[in-house]
Amino acid sequence: MMPHGIASGLTEEALWVLRKRILLADQGGNPLESPEQMFRRVAWEIARVERRYLRREDLADITNRFFETMQALEFLPNSPTLMNAGLRDAQLSACFVLPIEDSMESIFETLRDMALIQKTGGGTGFSFSHLRPRSDPIASSRGQSSGPISFMKLYDHASEITRMGGARRGANMGILRFDHPDILEFIAAKMHPGSLRTFNLSVAVTDAFMECVERSADYPLINPHTGQTTGPLNARSVFDAIIQSAWETGDPGLIFLDAINRRSLLPTLGPIEATNPCGEQPLLPYESCNLGSINLAHFVRNGQIDYERLRPVVRTAVRFLDDVVDANLYPLPQTERISLANRKIGLGVMGFADMLFLLRVPYDSDRALAIGDEVMAFISQEARNESGCLAESRGAFPNYPLSIFATEGIRLRNAALTTIAPTGTISLIAGCSSGIEPVFAIYYRRRIMEEQRELAMHPLFERAAAPYLTDKARRAILNSGSTQQIEEIPEEIRKVFVSAHDIGPEWHVRMQAAFQRHVDAAVSKTVNMRRTATREDVDNVYRLAHRLGCKGITVFRDGCKGEQVLSVGQAPERAPVGAGACPECGAATEHVSGCVSCPFCGYADCTI
């Protein structure tokens, strides 16, 4: 039982995404390869780096394993790998973090590096916390600093015109510490429509700051250039400003620095200050990461999770991603050096909501939390087992002596193994739900022959509810976007087939925390909230995420990006690009930590 048409091959949405974004094409945009040929190209280009380890006949075997796993849509790597493997400039990573120091030389060198990375399809993350605040004196020019937000605008403009991989504008994460003197300006930076369009924003906070919030206490601001205190702010007031802006615009999120660095696997290399654009990869300066996700919807048999089938796929995926580290042509020498020294990979999952549908378990239930905890614990352990085997045959990552693994006596090939990415593009290719998100809608608008679209219900729901789907019930679901008020549908079915807005915000956070317990990096998860959600709801979500040990948190209140067009029984009118609606069909889009995917026409704007 496979959702979204998987059993019969790629869906129409998947084919659209492949033609639009992935398949090699001529100057006119006409595909030069089929999906099968694309998977063979990727399998061969990644497997051939194993020639240094394997005999020729074994190389053919691993190539076939890679191909069959991707062709079956059981595992897919991040979209830069699918797009670029085999090309002359084969940049295969999704994520990079670049440092910015407090000098014009550093600011503009990093701007150049960002452009080079985004040209090849990678997203970039930055901490602007080291830049001196607005109006700070500059001795060399006898002028005053324009502050970090002004340079963020410069980076934003460059990303708009340097389109990622030639296909779409760049994706960035901008982070500023809570104690930077310009923090209030940063918090409000996206309150103006159209500002910083290529950036997701997050405030980097510490446990001490969150304690000050609880006590409504003051804390000092610190000028990063001089190290001097510039004056106090009230933590509760700052937190309220964060909540207000997040409620209105979806930004900023929070990055929990202590949670990230407490679990850093390479603490001697320095603190982690920034993440990639979607927040699932906290990385050291110049680090990159190669991501891939397993489609959990493929591993349910007879109402149970088939761990025996899942085990070899996890092993194959880890080996594939480790090979990507060697196959990659890095855009900067600094990224090549540290990526090869640490060999970090990010294996995650997609199709989790579909797995719960198949298991007949409501997303907002303790049983679902237990399943998330259990399945990620299994994947994490099997990933470590495979990385250990690779370390025996190929050697541990070069910085292994500096890692916590060395002190624990655990020899691994990779400094980090697991993450949960948003999978905006590859989940559409796989025809499954994205990441660990609940489904965005029980119905969606399917693209047929490029332009025509037809309405379709989620096939698993349609199968389960078939005896009760009268014309009246279908119209009601299409008009409301939810099954929850449809009395013709039995309650036990409605409880299982919930969509993002049917689920209380607390359950979103608790699910993120359940997966985070078994993830080396972080979890990309957006708490999609109803338009009627209050500021208090956002406040509760952010506090709960900190209490439960999440490494970051993001919310998106329906309609907060402007007038959002909902796709109900008829084709929606088009809305302006950037107004919270799909630029292809105008329908309401799913927002997952910076990735946007449309369940109605298949549009995706994401590096994953």
Foldseek 3Di string as FASTA:
>chain_A
DFWQCLVVHWALLLQVLCLQAFADDDPVSHGPDDPLVLLLLLLLLLLVVCPVFDDPVVSVVLSVVSSVCVRSLQKDWFRLSSRARPHPQSAFFAFAEAEAAADPVRLVVVLVVQLLQQLSQHFYEYELARYFAFQCADVVVRGTDRGDLVSLQVSLVSQQVSHRVVRGGHAYEYEYEPQAPCLLCLLCQPVDFPGSLRYAYAYEYEPVLVVQLVVQHKDFRAGSVVRDTDDIDGSVVSVLSNLVSCLQAQDDWYFYQCLQQVLQFQVVVDGFDMATLLQFFRDDHLETEIEMAGEQLVQADPLRGNVVVVLVSLLSVLSSRLSCLVSRNDSDPSHNVVCQQAVAYAYAYFQLLVNLLSNLHFLLDPVSLVVLLVVLQSSLVSSLVSQQVCCVSPNARNCVVSTVCVVVVRGGNHSFYHTFDQCQQSCSSSSHGTTNAHAAFQKAWEDDPNPDTDIDGTVSLCVVQVVQDDVVQVQVCLVVRANQPRVSGDPSSRSSRGHLAVHQLVSQLSSLLSNQVSGSGAYFFENEYELPDDSVSSVVNSSVNVVSSHRMYTYDYPQSQHRAWARGDDQTDADDPRSQADNPRRHHWDDISRWTAHRHYSDTDGSD
